[in-house]
Amino acid sequence: MAVLEFWDFFWIWCIVSVAVFLYAGGSAVYASFKPSDAARLRRLEAKADLILRHLGLEYNAPATPGGLSEEVKALADDPARKIEAIKLLREQTGMGLKEAKDAVEAYIAGRG
């Protein structure tokens, strides 16, 4: 007859703890991403588009050259300050580095 020692219990406890941790973490992530949330977001975007259209307003996304602020455009007009323009755009919008760089470069290419 086999007798379990301390280390056997220790390793069993570790394995069970990791399994519980992974299950709890996975279910928390799953709970935060529901298909109904995506549908709700699409409905909200459609409503916002209707309101903008009704008011005669046009939304220019910051990622498009037309959506850049005047400060960013002024910096981008000077080739030596292109990096400052990218940094400012990131601060203003929260964009990632690649998106901000692409937006500034698109503005520079479009104005020339």
PDB file of N, CA and C in Angstrom:
ATOM      1  N   MET A   1       0.839  -1.163   0.000  1.00  0.00           N
ATOM      2  CA  MET A   1       0.000   0.000   0.000  1.00  0.00           C
ATOM      3  C   MET A   1       0.902   1.250   0.000  1.00  0.00           C
ATOM      4  N   ALA A   2       0.580   2.216  -0.920  1.00  0.00           N
ATOM      5  CA  ALA A   2       1.378   3.427  -1.041  1.00  0.00           C
ATOM      6  C   ALA A   2       0.904   4.461  -0.045  1.00  0.00           C
ATOM      7  N   VAL A   3       1.865   5.156   0.510  1.00  0.00           N
ATOM      8  CA  VAL A   3       1.563   6.208   1.464  1.00  0.00           C
ATOM      9  C   VAL A   3       2.018   7.528   0.849  1.00  0.00           C
ATOM     10  N   LEU A   4       1.150   8.502   0.867  1.00  0.00           N
ATOM     11  CA  LEU A   4       1.490   9.813   0.328  1.00  0.00           C
ATOM     12  C   LEU A   4       2.298  10.597   1.355  1.00  0.00           C
ATOM     13  N   GLU A   5       3.360  11.204   0.866  1.00  0.00           N
ATOM     14  CA  GLU A   5       4.211  11.996   1.738  1.00  0.00           C
ATOM     15  C   GLU A   5       3.861  13.481   1.574  1.00  0.00           C
ATOM     16  N   PHE A   6       4.538  14.328   2.319  1.00  0.00           N
ATOM     17  CA  PHE A   6       4.291  15.761   2.294  1.00  0.00           C
ATOM     18  C   PHE A   6       4.423  16.331   0.891  1.00  0.00           C
ATOM     19  N   TRP A   7       5.485  15.974   0.190  1.00  0.00           N
ATOM     20  CA  TRP A   7       5.728  16.540  -1.135  1.00  0.00           C
ATOM     21  C   TRP A   7       4.680  16.096  -2.144  1.00  0.00           C
ATOM     22  N   ASP A   8       4.123  14.922  -1.966  1.00  0.00           N
ATOM     23  CA  ASP A   8       3.035  14.486  -2.838  1.00  0.00           C
ATOM     24  C   ASP A   8       1.826  15.413  -2.668  1.00  0.00           C
ATOM     25  N   PHE A   9       1.491  15.721  -1.426  1.00  0.00           N
ATOM     26  CA  PHE A   9       0.389  16.636  -1.173  1.00  0.00           C
ATOM     27  C   PHE A   9       0.703  18.040  -1.691  1.00  0.00           C
ATOM     28  N   PHE A  10       1.957  18.449  -1.517  1.00  0.00           N
ATOM     29  CA  PHE A  10       2.376  19.767  -1.992  1.00  0.00           C
ATOM     30  C   PHE A  10       2.175  19.895  -3.488  1.00  0.00           C
ATOM     31  N   TRP A  11       2.634  18.911  -4.248  1.00  0.00           N
ATOM     32  CA  TRP A  11       2.521  18.985  -5.713  1.00  0.00           C
ATOM     33  C   TRP A  11       1.066  18.874  -6.158  1.00  0.00           C
ATOM     34  N   ILE A  12       0.288  18.081  -5.501  1.00  0.00           N
ATOM     35  CA  ILE A  12      -1.146  17.996  -5.825  1.00  0.00           C
ATOM     36  C   ILE A  12      -1.808  19.349  -5.566  1.00  0.00           C
ATOM     37  N   TRP A  13      -1.483  19.981  -4.433  1.00  0.00           N
ATOM     38  CA  TRP A  13      -2.031  21.294  -4.117  1.00  0.00           C
ATOM     39  C   TRP A  13      -1.623  22.321  -5.174  1.00  0.00           C
ATOM     40  N   CYS A  14      -0.350  22.297  -5.621  1.00  0.00           N
ATOM     41  CA  CYS A  14       0.125  23.228  -6.646  1.00  0.00           C
ATOM     42  C   CYS A  14      -0.647  23.051  -7.944  1.00  0.00           C
ATOM     43  N   ILE A  15      -0.815  21.831  -8.375  1.00  0.00           N
ATOM     44  CA  ILE A  15      -1.508  21.564  -9.630  1.00  0.00           C
ATOM     45  C   ILE A  15      -2.963  22.003  -9.548  1.00  0.00           C
ATOM     46  N   VAL A  16      -3.617  21.701  -8.462  1.00  0.00           N
ATOM     47  CA  VAL A  16      -5.019  22.102  -8.296  1.00  0.00           C
ATOM     48  C   VAL A  16      -5.126  23.621  -8.228  1.00  0.00           C
ATOM     49  N   SER A  17      -4.196  24.279  -7.531  1.00  0.00           N
ATOM     50  CA  SER A  17      -4.223  25.743  -7.436  1.00  0.00           C
ATOM     51  C   SER A  17      -4.044  26.395  -8.799  1.00  0.00           C
ATOM     52  N   VAL A  18      -3.119  25.884  -9.602  1.00  0.00           N
ATOM     53  CA  VAL A  18      -2.904  26.441 -10.934  1.00  0.00           C
ATOM     54  C   VAL A  18      -4.140  26.227 -11.799  1.00  0.00           C
ATOM     55  N   ALA A  19      -4.751  25.052 -11.705  1.00  0.00           N
ATOM     56  CA  ALA A  19      -5.948  24.771 -12.494  1.00  0.00           C
ATOM     57  C   ALA A  19      -7.083  25.726 -12.109  1.00  0.00           C
ATOM     58  N   VAL A  20      -7.265  25.954 -10.833  1.00  0.00           N
ATOM     59  CA  VAL A  20      -8.316  26.862 -10.371  1.00  0.00           C
ATOM     60  C   VAL A  20      -8.008  28.293 -10.822  1.00  0.00           C
ATOM     61  N   PHE A  21      -6.754  28.703 -10.714  1.00  0.00           N
ATOM     62  CA  PHE A  21      -6.344  30.045 -11.134  1.00  0.00           C
ATOM     63  C   PHE A  21      -6.600  30.251 -12.618  1.00  0.00           C
ATOM     64  N   LEU A  22      -6.218  29.285 -13.437  1.00  0.00           N
ATOM     65  CA  LEU A  22      -6.432  29.402 -14.880  1.00  0.00           C
ATOM     66  C   LEU A  22      -7.914  29.432 -15.223  1.00  0.00           C
ATOM     67  N   TYR A  23      -8.700  28.612 -14.571  1.00  0.00           N
ATOM     68  CA  TYR A  23     -10.132  28.590 -14.838  1.00  0.00           C
ATOM     69  C   TYR A  23     -10.770  29.917 -14.430  1.00  0.00           C
ATOM     70  N   ALA A  24     -10.411  30.414 -13.244  1.00  0.00           N
ATOM     71  CA  ALA A  24     -10.996  31.670 -12.766  1.00  0.00           C
ATOM     72  C   ALA A  24     -10.575  32.829 -13.655  1.00  0.00           C
ATOM     73  N   GLY A  25      -9.303  32.874 -14.043  1.00  0.00           N
ATOM     74  CA  GLY A  25      -8.830  33.942 -14.915  1.00  0.00           C
ATOM     75  C   GLY A  25      -9.472  33.875 -16.285  1.00  0.00           C
ATOM     76  N   GLY A  26      -9.599  32.684 -16.823  1.00  0.00           N
ATOM     77  CA  GLY A  26     -10.219  32.514 -18.138  1.00  0.00           C
ATOM     78  C   GLY A  26     -11.681  32.910 -18.141  1.00  0.00           C
ATOM     79  N   SER A  27     -12.378  32.563 -17.071  1.00  0.00           N
ATOM     80  CA  SER A  27     -13.799  32.927 -17.028  1.00  0.00           C
ATOM     81  C   SER A  27     -13.971  34.433 -16.828  1.00  0.00           C
ATOM     82  N   ALA A  28     -13.032  35.071 -16.140  1.00  0.00           N
ATOM     83  CA  ALA A  28     -13.123  36.526 -15.974  1.00  0.00           C
ATOM     84  C   ALA A  28     -12.919  37.223 -17.307  1.00  0.00           C
ATOM     85  N   VAL A  29     -11.976  36.750 -18.094  1.00  0.00           N
ATOM     86  CA  VAL A  29     -11.742  37.338 -19.420  1.00  0.00           C
ATOM     87  C   VAL A  29     -12.946  37.079 -20.317  1.00  0.00           C
ATOM     88  N   TYR A  30     -13.469  35.879 -20.286  1.00  0.00           N
ATOM     89  CA  TYR A  30     -14.623  35.551 -21.121  1.00  0.00           C
ATOM     90  C   TYR A  30     -15.823  36.412 -20.744  1.00  0.00           C
ATOM     91  N   ALA A  31     -15.979  36.676 -19.452  1.00  0.00           N
ATOM     92  CA  ALA A  31     -17.122  37.472 -18.996  1.00  0.00           C
ATOM     93  C   ALA A  31     -17.036  38.906 -19.492  1.00  0.00           C
ATOM     94  N   SER A  32     -15.816  39.397 -19.732  1.00  0.00           N
ATOM     95  CA  SER A  32     -15.695  40.787 -20.163  1.00  0.00           C
ATOM     96  C   SER A  32     -15.877  40.966 -21.667  1.00  0.00           C
ATOM     97  N   PHE A  33     -15.832  39.925 -22.449  1.00  0.00           N
ATOM     98  CA  PHE A  33     -16.015  40.015 -23.901  1.00  0.00           C
ATOM     99  C   PHE A  33     -17.233  39.206 -24.319  1.00  0.00           C
ATOM    100  N   LYS A  34     -18.347  39.863 -24.353  1.00  0.00           N
ATOM    101  CA  LYS A  34     -19.588  39.180 -24.726  1.00  0.00           C
ATOM    102  C   LYS A  34     -19.990  39.604 -26.130  1.00  0.00           C
ATOM    103  N   PRO A  35     -20.587  38.709 -26.885  1.00  0.00           N
ATOM    104  CA  PRO A  35     -21.074  39.086 -28.220  1.00  0.00           C
ATOM    105  C   PRO A  35     -22.103  40.214 -28.152  1.00  0.00           C
ATOM    106  N   SER A  36     -22.863  40.268 -27.073  1.00  0.00           N
ATOM    107  CA  SER A  36     -23.863  41.341 -26.951  1.00  0.00           C
ATOM    108  C   SER A  36     -23.194  42.704 -26.828  1.00  0.00           C
ATOM    109  N   ASP A  37     -21.976  42.737 -26.264  1.00  0.00           N
ATOM    110  CA  ASP A  37     -21.249  44.012 -26.172  1.00  0.00           C
ATOM    111  C   ASP A  37     -20.877  44.525 -27.555  1.00  0.00           C
ATOM    112  N   ALA A  38     -20.441  43.638 -28.440  1.00  0.00           N
ATOM    113  CA  ALA A  38     -20.089  44.050 -29.802  1.00  0.00           C
ATOM    114  C   ALA A  38     -21.317  44.574 -30.534  1.00  0.00           C
ATOM    115  N   ALA A  39     -22.451  43.897 -30.347  1.00  0.00           N
ATOM    116  CA  ALA A  39     -23.691  44.344 -30.989  1.00  0.00           C
ATOM    117  C   ALA A  39     -24.118  45.703 -30.433  1.00  0.00           C
ATOM    118  N   ARG A  40     -24.000  45.884 -29.130  1.00  0.00           N
ATOM    119  CA  ARG A  40     -24.359  47.156 -28.502  1.00  0.00           C
ATOM    120  C   ARG A  40     -23.465  48.280 -29.021  1.00  0.00           C
ATOM    121  N   LEU A  41     -22.175  48.006 -29.172  1.00  0.00           N
ATOM    122  CA  LEU A  41     -21.254  49.011 -29.695  1.00  0.00           C
ATOM    123  C   LEU A  41     -21.613  49.405 -31.127  1.00  0.00           C
ATOM    124  N   ARG A  42     -21.962  48.428 -31.968  1.00  0.00           N
ATOM    125  CA  ARG A  42     -22.378  48.738 -33.343  1.00  0.00           C
ATOM    126  C   ARG A  42     -23.628  49.612 -33.359  1.00  0.00           C
ATOM    127  N   ARG A  43     -24.589  49.324 -32.470  1.00  0.00           N
ATOM    128  CA  ARG A  43     -25.805  50.147 -32.402  1.00  0.00           C
ATOM    129  C   ARG A  43     -25.478  51.572 -31.963  1.00  0.00           C
ATOM    130  N   LEU A  44     -24.600  51.717 -30.974  1.00  0.00           N
ATOM    131  CA  LEU A  44     -24.218  53.051 -30.518  1.00  0.00           C
ATOM    132  C   LEU A  44     -23.506  53.834 -31.608  1.00  0.00           C
ATOM    133  N   GLU A  45     -22.641  53.175 -32.355  1.00  0.00           N
ATOM    134  CA  GLU A  45     -21.946  53.859 -33.446  1.00  0.00           C
ATOM    135  C   GLU A  45     -22.933  54.293 -34.529  1.00  0.00           C
ATOM    136  N   ALA A  46     -23.910  53.458 -34.822  1.00  0.00           N
ATOM    137  CA  ALA A  46     -24.916  53.809 -35.825  1.00  0.00           C
ATOM    138  C   ALA A  46     -25.738  55.015 -35.355  1.00  0.00           C
ATOM    139  N   LYS A  47     -26.084  55.041 -34.077  1.00  0.00           N
ATOM    140  CA  LYS A  47     -26.841  56.176 -33.534  1.00  0.00           C
ATOM    141  C   LYS A  47     -26.013  57.454 -33.569  1.00  0.00           C
ATOM    142  N   ALA A  48     -24.744  57.346 -33.210  1.00  0.00           N
ATOM    143  CA  ALA A  48     -23.871  58.526 -33.257  1.00  0.00           C
ATOM    144  C   ALA A  48     -23.744  59.036 -34.691  1.00  0.00           C
ATOM    145  N   ASP A  49     -23.644  58.133 -35.653  1.00  0.00           N
ATOM    146  CA  ASP A  49     -23.577  58.538 -37.061  1.00  0.00           C
ATOM    147  C   ASP A  49     -24.849  59.270 -37.482  1.00  0.00           C
ATOM    148  N   LEU A  50     -26.005  58.776 -37.032  1.00  0.00           N
ATOM    149  CA  LEU A  50     -27.266  59.440 -37.358  1.00  0.00           C
ATOM    150  C   LEU A  50     -27.333  60.846 -36.762  1.00  0.00           C
ATOM    151  N   ILE A  51     -26.896  60.991 -35.524  1.00  0.00           N
ATOM    152  CA  ILE A  51     -26.911  62.306 -34.879  1.00  0.00           C
ATOM    153  C   ILE A  51     -25.991  63.275 -35.620  1.00  0.00           C
ATOM    154  N   LEU A  52     -24.786  62.818 -35.953  1.00  0.00           N
ATOM    155  CA  LEU A  52     -23.855  63.679 -36.688  1.00  0.00           C
ATOM    156  C   LEU A  52     -24.438  64.097 -38.036  1.00  0.00           C
ATOM    157  N   ARG A  53     -25.031  63.148 -38.745  1.00  0.00           N
ATOM    158  CA  ARG A  53     -25.625  63.449 -40.048  1.00  0.00           C
ATOM    159  C   ARG A  53     -26.778  64.435 -39.893  1.00  0.00           C
ATOM    160  N   HIS A  54     -27.615  64.245 -38.875  1.00  0.00           N
ATOM    161  CA  HIS A  54     -28.755  65.138 -38.636  1.00  0.00           C
ATOM    162  C   HIS A  54     -28.287  66.569 -38.344  1.00  0.00           C
ATOM    163  N   LEU A  55     -27.190  66.705 -37.615  1.00  0.00           N
ATOM    164  CA  LEU A  55     -26.672  68.026 -37.272  1.00  0.00           C
ATOM    165  C   LEU A  55     -25.789  68.622 -38.365  1.00  0.00           C
ATOM    166  N   GLY A  56     -25.589  67.865 -39.423  1.00  0.00           N
ATOM    167  CA  GLY A  56     -24.771  68.346 -40.531  1.00  0.00           C
ATOM    168  C   GLY A  56     -23.289  68.389 -40.201  1.00  0.00           C
ATOM    169  N   LEU A  57     -22.868  67.538 -39.281  1.00  0.00           N
ATOM    170  CA  LEU A  57     -21.465  67.495 -38.891  1.00  0.00           C
ATOM    171  C   LEU A  57     -20.762  66.330 -39.559  1.00  0.00           C
ATOM    172  N   GLU A  58     -19.471  66.489 -39.734  1.00  0.00           N
ATOM    173  CA  GLU A  58     -18.669  65.416 -40.328  1.00  0.00           C
ATOM    174  C   GLU A  58     -17.578  65.036 -39.344  1.00  0.00           C
ATOM    175  N   TYR A  59     -17.442  63.752 -39.118  1.00  0.00           N
ATOM    176  CA  TYR A  59     -16.407  63.257 -38.202  1.00  0.00           C
ATOM    177  C   TYR A  59     -15.189  62.852 -39.013  1.00  0.00           C
ATOM    178  N   ASN A  60     -14.045  63.450 -38.682  1.00  0.00           N
ATOM    179  CA  ASN A  60     -12.779  63.062 -39.296  1.00  0.00           C
ATOM    180  C   ASN A  60     -11.970  62.321 -38.247  1.00  0.00           C
ATOM    181  N   ALA A  61     -11.757  61.061 -38.491  1.00  0.00           N
ATOM    182  CA  ALA A  61     -10.977  60.265 -37.549  1.00  0.00           C
ATOM    183  C   ALA A  61      -9.561  60.815 -37.473  1.00  0.00           C
ATOM    184  N   PRO A  62      -8.962  60.805 -36.293  1.00  0.00           N
ATOM    185  CA  PRO A  62      -7.606  61.334 -36.162  1.00  0.00           C
ATOM    186  C   PRO A  62      -6.593  60.593 -37.034  1.00  0.00           C
ATOM    187  N   ALA A  63      -6.894  59.362 -37.407  1.00  0.00           N
ATOM    188  CA  ALA A  63      -5.964  58.588 -38.227  1.00  0.00           C
ATOM    189  C   ALA A  63      -5.949  59.056 -39.672  1.00  0.00           C
ATOM    190  N   THR A  64      -6.907  59.874 -40.051  1.00  0.00           N
ATOM    191  CA  THR A  64      -6.930  60.401 -41.411  1.00  0.00           C
ATOM    192  C   THR A  64      -6.262  61.766 -41.430  1.00  0.00           C
ATOM    193  N   PRO A  65      -5.666  62.141 -42.552  1.00  0.00           N
ATOM    194  CA  PRO A  65      -4.998  63.441 -42.605  1.00  0.00           C
ATOM    195  C   PRO A  65      -5.911  64.606 -42.240  1.00  0.00           C
ATOM    196  N   GLY A  66      -7.198  64.513 -42.590  1.00  0.00           N
ATOM    197  CA  GLY A  66      -8.128  65.591 -42.274  1.00  0.00           C
ATOM    198  C   GLY A  66      -8.465  65.676 -40.800  1.00  0.00           C
ATOM    199  N   GLY A  67      -8.162  64.628 -40.036  1.00  0.00           N
ATOM    200  CA  GLY A  67      -8.501  64.594 -38.626  1.00  0.00           C
ATOM    201  C   GLY A  67      -7.396  65.081 -37.703  1.00  0.00           C
ATOM    202  N   LEU A  68      -6.272  65.504 -38.255  1.00  0.00           N
ATOM    203  CA  LEU A  68      -5.171  65.978 -37.428  1.00  0.00           C
ATOM    204  C   LEU A  68      -5.458  67.386 -36.910  1.00  0.00           C
ATOM    205  N   SER A  69      -5.012  67.657 -35.692  1.00  0.00           N
ATOM    206  CA  SER A  69      -5.196  68.997 -35.137  1.00  0.00           C
ATOM    207  C   SER A  69      -4.261  69.968 -35.851  1.00  0.00           C
ATOM    208  N   GLU A  70      -4.571  71.242 -35.709  1.00  0.00           N
ATOM    209  CA  GLU A  70      -3.744  72.271 -36.349  1.00  0.00           C
ATOM    210  C   GLU A  70      -2.324  72.265 -35.788  1.00  0.00           C
ATOM    211  N   GLU A  71      -2.193  71.963 -34.494  1.00  0.00           N
ATOM    212  CA  GLU A  71      -0.861  71.907 -33.886  1.00  0.00           C
ATOM    213  C   GLU A  71      -0.014  70.803 -34.509  1.00  0.00           C
ATOM    214  N   VAL A  72      -0.641  69.626 -34.704  1.00  0.00           N
ATOM    215  CA  VAL A  72       0.077  68.503 -35.302  1.00  0.00           C
ATOM    216  C   VAL A  72       0.447  68.837 -36.743  1.00  0.00           C
ATOM    217  N   LYS A  73      -0.482  69.457 -37.469  1.00  0.00           N
ATOM    218  CA  LYS A  73      -0.198  69.824 -38.862  1.00  0.00           C
ATOM    219  C   LYS A  73       0.962  70.818 -38.943  1.00  0.00           C
ATOM    220  N   ALA A  74       0.986  71.786 -38.023  1.00  0.00           N
ATOM    221  CA  ALA A  74       2.062  72.785 -38.034  1.00  0.00           C
ATOM    222  C   ALA A  74       3.412  72.122 -37.781  1.00  0.00           C
ATOM    223  N   LEU A  75       3.442  71.179 -36.852  1.00  0.00           N
ATOM    224  CA  LEU A  75       4.698  70.467 -36.593  1.00  0.00           C
ATOM    225  C   LEU A  75       5.093  69.596 -37.783  1.00  0.00           C
ATOM    226  N   ALA A  76       4.105  68.942 -38.402  1.00  0.00           N
ATOM    227  CA  ALA A  76       4.392  68.048 -39.522  1.00  0.00           C
ATOM    228  C   ALA A  76       4.855  68.821 -40.752  1.00  0.00           C
ATOM    229  N   ASP A  77       4.485  70.088 -40.863  1.00  0.00           N
ATOM    230  CA  ASP A  77       4.917  70.901 -42.002  1.00  0.00           C
ATOM    231  C   ASP A  77       6.424  71.149 -41.992  1.00  0.00           C
ATOM    232  N   ASP A  78       7.042  71.054 -40.817  1.00  0.00           N
ATOM    233  CA  ASP A  78       8.493  71.217 -40.705  1.00  0.00           C
ATOM    234  C   ASP A  78       9.119  69.821 -40.651  1.00  0.00           C
ATOM    235  N   PRO A  79       9.873  69.420 -41.676  1.00  0.00           N
ATOM    236  CA  PRO A  79      10.446  68.068 -41.702  1.00  0.00           C
ATOM    237  C   PRO A  79      11.302  67.743 -40.474  1.00  0.00           C
ATOM    238  N   ALA A  80      11.934  68.731 -39.884  1.00  0.00           N
ATOM    239  CA  ALA A  80      12.780  68.490 -38.721  1.00  0.00           C
ATOM    240  C   ALA A  80      11.958  68.192 -37.459  1.00  0.00           C
ATOM    241  N   ARG A  81      10.654  68.478 -37.502  1.00  0.00           N
ATOM    242  CA  ARG A  81       9.804  68.304 -36.314  1.00  0.00           C
ATOM    243  C   ARG A  81       8.763  67.202 -36.484  1.00  0.00           C
ATOM    244  N   LYS A  82       8.998  66.326 -37.436  1.00  0.00           N
ATOM    245  CA  LYS A  82       8.058  65.233 -37.713  1.00  0.00           C
ATOM    246  C   LYS A  82       7.868  64.346 -36.480  1.00  0.00           C
ATOM    247  N   ILE A  83       8.949  64.043 -35.773  1.00  0.00           N
ATOM    248  CA  ILE A  83       8.843  63.193 -34.583  1.00  0.00           C
ATOM    249  C   ILE A  83       8.023  63.885 -33.497  1.00  0.00           C
ATOM    250  N   GLU A  84       8.189  65.190 -33.361  1.00  0.00           N
ATOM    251  CA  GLU A  84       7.375  65.935 -32.395  1.00  0.00           C
ATOM    252  C   GLU A  84       5.895  65.875 -32.769  1.00  0.00           C
ATOM    253  N   ALA A  85       5.599  65.931 -34.070  1.00  0.00           N
ATOM    254  CA  ALA A  85       4.210  65.837 -34.528  1.00  0.00           C
ATOM    255  C   ALA A  85       3.623  64.477 -34.166  1.00  0.00           C
ATOM    256  N   ILE A  86       4.410  63.433 -34.349  1.00  0.00           N
ATOM    257  CA  ILE A  86       3.939  62.079 -34.013  1.00  0.00           C
ATOM    258  C   ILE A  86       3.694  61.971 -32.516  1.00  0.00           C
ATOM    259  N   LYS A  87       4.621  62.488 -31.711  1.00  0.00           N
ATOM    260  CA  LYS A  87       4.458  62.446 -30.255  1.00  0.00           C
ATOM    261  C   LYS A  87       3.216  63.207 -29.810  1.00  0.00           C
ATOM    262  N   LEU A  88       3.007  64.385 -30.385  1.00  0.00           N
ATOM    263  CA  LEU A  88       1.835  65.188 -30.010  1.00  0.00           C
ATOM    264  C   LEU A  88       0.540  64.477 -30.400  1.00  0.00           C
ATOM    265  N   LEU A  89       0.511  63.897 -31.591  1.00  0.00           N
ATOM    266  CA  LEU A  89      -0.680  63.165 -32.021  1.00  0.00           C
ATOM    267  C   LEU A  89      -0.971  62.002 -31.081  1.00  0.00           C
ATOM    268  N   ARG A  90       0.056  61.307 -30.656  1.00  0.00           N
ATOM    269  CA  ARG A  90      -0.135  60.200 -29.710  1.00  0.00           C
ATOM    270  C   ARG A  90      -0.687  60.702 -28.385  1.00  0.00           C
ATOM    271  N   GLU A  91      -0.189  61.854 -27.914  1.00  0.00           N
ATOM    272  CA  GLU A  91      -0.686  62.418 -26.662  1.00  0.00           C
ATOM    273  C   GLU A  91      -2.144  62.843 -26.787  1.00  0.00           C
ATOM    274  N   GLN A  92      -2.496  63.433 -27.926  1.00  0.00           N
ATOM    275  CA  GLN A  92      -3.853  63.938 -28.114  1.00  0.00           C
ATOM    276  C   GLN A  92      -4.874  62.823 -28.284  1.00  0.00           C
ATOM    277  N   THR A  93      -4.485  61.737 -28.941  1.00  0.00           N
ATOM    278  CA  THR A  93      -5.458  60.713 -29.315  1.00  0.00           C
ATOM    279  C   THR A  93      -5.297  59.377 -28.602  1.00  0.00           C
ATOM    280  N   GLY A  94      -4.117  59.123 -28.029  1.00  0.00           N
ATOM    281  CA  GLY A  94      -3.879  57.816 -27.430  1.00  0.00           C
ATOM    282  C   GLY A  94      -3.545  56.751 -28.465  1.00  0.00           C
ATOM    283  N   MET A  95      -3.236  57.162 -29.686  1.00  0.00           N
ATOM    284  CA  MET A  95      -2.885  56.217 -30.750  1.00  0.00           C
ATOM    285  C   MET A  95      -1.576  55.512 -30.427  1.00  0.00           C
ATOM    286  N   GLY A  96      -1.401  54.382 -31.080  1.00  0.00           N
ATOM    287  CA  GLY A  96      -0.126  53.693 -31.007  1.00  0.00           C
ATOM    288  C   GLY A  96       0.888  54.390 -31.902  1.00  0.00           C
ATOM    289  N   LEU A  97       2.139  53.996 -31.758  1.00  0.00           N
ATOM    290  CA  LEU A  97       3.211  54.639 -32.515  1.00  0.00           C
ATOM    291  C   LEU A  97       3.026  54.465 -34.016  1.00  0.00           C
ATOM    292  N   LYS A  98       2.705  53.260 -34.451  1.00  0.00           N
ATOM    293  CA  LYS A  98       2.571  53.001 -35.893  1.00  0.00           C
ATOM    294  C   LYS A  98       1.423  53.795 -36.501  1.00  0.00           C
ATOM    295  N   GLU A  99       0.275  53.813 -35.809  1.00  0.00           N
ATOM    296  CA  GLU A  99      -0.885  54.528 -36.333  1.00  0.00           C
ATOM    297  C   GLU A  99      -0.611  56.026 -36.432  1.00  0.00           C
ATOM    298  N   ALA A 100       0.018  56.583 -35.395  1.00  0.00           N
ATOM    299  CA  ALA A 100       0.312  58.014 -35.407  1.00  0.00           C
ATOM    300  C   ALA A 100       1.325  58.348 -36.497  1.00  0.00           C
ATOM    301  N   LYS A 101       2.341  57.518 -36.644  1.00  0.00           N
ATOM    302  CA  LYS A 101       3.350  57.743 -37.684  1.00  0.00           C
ATOM    303  C   LYS A 101       2.706  57.681 -39.065  1.00  0.00           C
ATOM    304  N   ASP A 102       1.850  56.686 -39.281  1.00  0.00           N
ATOM    305  CA  ASP A 102       1.165  56.560 -40.574  1.00  0.00           C
ATOM    306  C   ASP A 102       0.279  57.764 -40.858  1.00  0.00           C
ATOM    307  N   ALA A 103      -0.419  58.267 -39.832  1.00  0.00           N
ATOM    308  CA  ALA A 103      -1.310  59.414 -40.022  1.00  0.00           C
ATOM    309  C   ALA A 103      -0.520  60.668 -40.372  1.00  0.00           C
ATOM    310  N   VAL A 104       0.581  60.904 -39.678  1.00  0.00           N
ATOM    311  CA  VAL A 104       1.406  62.084 -39.956  1.00  0.00           C
ATOM    312  C   VAL A 104       2.024  61.967 -41.343  1.00  0.00           C
ATOM    313  N   GLU A 105       2.521  60.788 -41.674  1.00  0.00           N
ATOM    314  CA  GLU A 105       3.121  60.604 -43.013  1.00  0.00           C
ATOM    315  C   GLU A 105       2.086  60.738 -44.117  1.00  0.00           C
ATOM    316  N   ALA A 106       0.846  60.294 -43.871  1.00  0.00           N
ATOM    317  CA  ALA A 106      -0.213  60.449 -44.859  1.00  0.00           C
ATOM    318  C   ALA A 106      -0.519  61.938 -45.069  1.00  0.00           C
ATOM    319  N   TYR A 107      -0.514  62.713 -43.981  1.00  0.00           N
ATOM    320  CA  TYR A 107      -0.727  64.155 -44.099  1.00  0.00           C
ATOM    321  C   TYR A 107       0.386  64.793 -44.912  1.00  0.00           C
ATOM    322  N   ILE A 108       1.634  64.431 -44.613  1.00  0.00           N
ATOM    323  CA  ILE A 108       2.779  64.996 -45.320  1.00  0.00           C
ATOM    324  C   ILE A 108       2.723  64.643 -46.798  1.00  0.00           C
ATOM    325  N   ALA A 109       2.390  63.405 -47.106  1.00  0.00           N
ATOM    326  CA  ALA A 109       2.309  62.964 -48.507  1.00  0.00           C
ATOM    327  C   ALA A 109       1.147  63.646 -49.230  1.00  0.00           C
ATOM    328  N   GLY A 110       0.050  63.896 -48.532  1.00  0.00           N
ATOM    329  CA  GLY A 110      -1.121  64.500 -49.157  1.00  0.00           C
ATOM    330  C   GLY A 110      -1.020  65.982 -49.391  1.00  0.00           C
ATOM    331  N   ARG A 111      -0.212  66.653 -48.630  1.00  0.00           N
ATOM    332  CA  ARG A 111      -0.120  68.097 -48.795  1.00  0.00           C
ATOM    333  C   ARG A 111       0.863  68.484 -49.900  1.00  0.00           C
ATOM    334  N   GLY A 112       1.776  67.557 -50.248  1.00  0.00           N
ATOM    335  CA  GLY A 112       2.831  67.897 -51.215  1.00  0.00           C
ATOM    336  C   GLY A 112       2.445  67.751 -52.633  1.00  0.00           C
TER     337      GLY A 112
END
